[in-house]
Amino acid sequence: GDEEKPWDAALISGPVVLPAGGELHADFNGFARLTQGGELFLFAHPDSEVPEGMILLDTCGSEARQTAPPAGSERVCFDINTPAHTYKGCVEDGESAMDWLAASHAVPCHA
């Protein structure tokens, strides 16, 4: 079917690594798409039809910012705030991190 999926109109998409924590019981290393509604859909591969999971951003509270990566990591990480947990999203370089932060700041507060 050609029905629209919420992630078809993503603000940004790309490969992201999320260390385990919160609702993530294992490290996620795949492809993420962020929607205007603040839904971060997690896919195993860029062409996966069905997301592995979804994290709902809380853009009403503290502003997401770039954070230090895990020791020894080449990646650049940024905060992904949800009501219950602050995840880290880790990407290949600072430019990607800034793009993800800009996109997450574009998500309106839905409180």
Foldseek 3Di string as FASTA:
>chain_A
DPDDDQQPAFLDKAWKWWQDDDVRPHIATEMWTAGLQQKIFACRYPPDPHGPDIAHAACPDDQKDWDDDPPPDQWTWIWGHHPVDTIIITDNDDVVRVSVSVRNNSRDHPD
